[in-house]
Protein backbone atom coordinates (compact mmCIF):
# COMPACT_ATOMS: atom_id res chain seq x y z
CA MET A 1 56.14 157.37 161.75
CA THR A 2 57.67 155.71 158.69
CA MET A 3 59.45 152.39 159.15
CA LEU A 4 62.33 151.52 156.84
CA ASN A 5 63.48 148.04 155.97
CA ASP A 6 67.20 147.14 156.26
CA SER A 7 68.07 147.93 152.64
CA GLN A 8 66.37 151.33 152.82
CA SER A 9 68.01 152.31 156.09
CA MET A 10 71.45 151.07 154.96
CA GLY A 11 71.08 152.90 151.65
CA ALA A 12 70.43 156.11 153.53
CA ALA A 13 73.37 155.42 155.82
CA VAL A 14 75.79 154.89 152.93
CA GLY A 15 75.28 158.41 151.63
CA ALA A 16 75.26 160.03 155.06
CA VAL A 17 78.18 158.43 156.89
CA ALA A 18 81.66 157.06 156.34
CA ARG A 19 81.85 153.49 155.10
CA LYS A 20 84.55 151.16 156.38
CA ALA A 21 85.77 147.75 155.28
CA VAL A 22 85.79 144.86 157.77
CA TYR A 23 88.50 142.20 157.52
CA THR A 24 89.63 139.13 159.38
CA VAL A 25 93.36 138.40 159.36
CA THR A 26 94.62 134.83 159.39
CA GLU A 27 98.27 134.04 160.10
CA ARG A 28 99.68 131.10 158.09
CA ASN A 29 103.30 130.23 157.28
CA ASP A 30 104.62 133.58 158.56
CA ARG A 31 102.15 135.45 156.34
CA SER A 32 99.02 137.48 157.03
CA TRP A 33 95.98 136.69 154.89
CA TRP A 34 93.39 139.50 154.86
CA THR A 35 89.84 138.49 153.97
CA LYS A 36 87.11 141.09 153.59
CA ILE A 37 84.06 139.83 155.46
CA GLY A 38 81.80 142.86 155.70
CA VAL A 39 81.27 146.60 155.97
CA ALA A 40 80.85 149.06 158.82
CA PHE A 41 79.14 152.44 158.95
CA VAL A 42 79.97 155.25 161.36
CA ASN A 43 76.85 156.51 163.13
CA LYS A 44 76.17 160.14 164.07
CA ASP A 45 77.30 159.48 167.66
CA GLY A 46 80.62 157.93 166.51
CA SER A 47 79.58 154.33 167.15
CA LEU A 48 79.73 151.69 164.42
CA THR A 49 77.10 149.55 162.74
CA VAL A 50 78.81 146.40 161.42
CA ARG A 51 77.34 144.09 158.78
CA LEU A 52 79.17 140.75 158.45
CA ASP A 53 78.94 138.23 155.63
CA ALA A 54 81.05 135.76 157.63
CA THR A 55 82.12 135.24 161.23
CA PRO A 56 85.85 135.13 161.90
CA ILE A 57 87.02 132.01 163.72
CA SER A 58 89.46 134.08 165.77
CA GLY A 59 86.74 136.52 166.81
CA VAL A 60 89.02 139.42 165.81
CA LEU A 61 88.01 142.07 163.26
CA GLN A 62 90.10 144.73 161.53
CA ILE A 63 87.91 147.73 160.65
CA ARG A 64 89.59 150.13 158.22
CA ASP A 65 88.55 153.16 156.22
CA GLU A 66 87.33 151.87 152.88
CA ASP A 67 89.53 153.04 150.05
CA ALA A 68 88.79 151.92 146.51
CA THR A 69 92.42 152.49 145.50
CA ARG A 70 93.88 150.33 148.30
CA THR A 71 93.34 146.58 148.36
CA PRO A 72 95.02 144.44 151.04
CA ARG A 73 97.66 142.19 149.54
CA MET A 74 97.03 138.48 149.66
CA GLY A 75 99.68 136.87 151.83
CA GLY A 76 101.35 140.17 152.64
CA HIS A 77 101.63 142.00 155.93
CA GLN A 78 99.55 145.15 156.30
């Protein structure tokens, strides 16, 4: 049995499954501020593996299909 380290297993997952962007949304002055804080990968069984670079204070995550042509607007509502 071959064991893979995290970078090897995630590299294999990137090519094999859909990649999603993970955001936290902060409300300030009647505006929504979207901050990308990680990525998520859809597993074969439909579950998600989430890798975070930060932890949202609110505890709420927005997980969206990653689209290189669409970037959330700073200070705008999504």
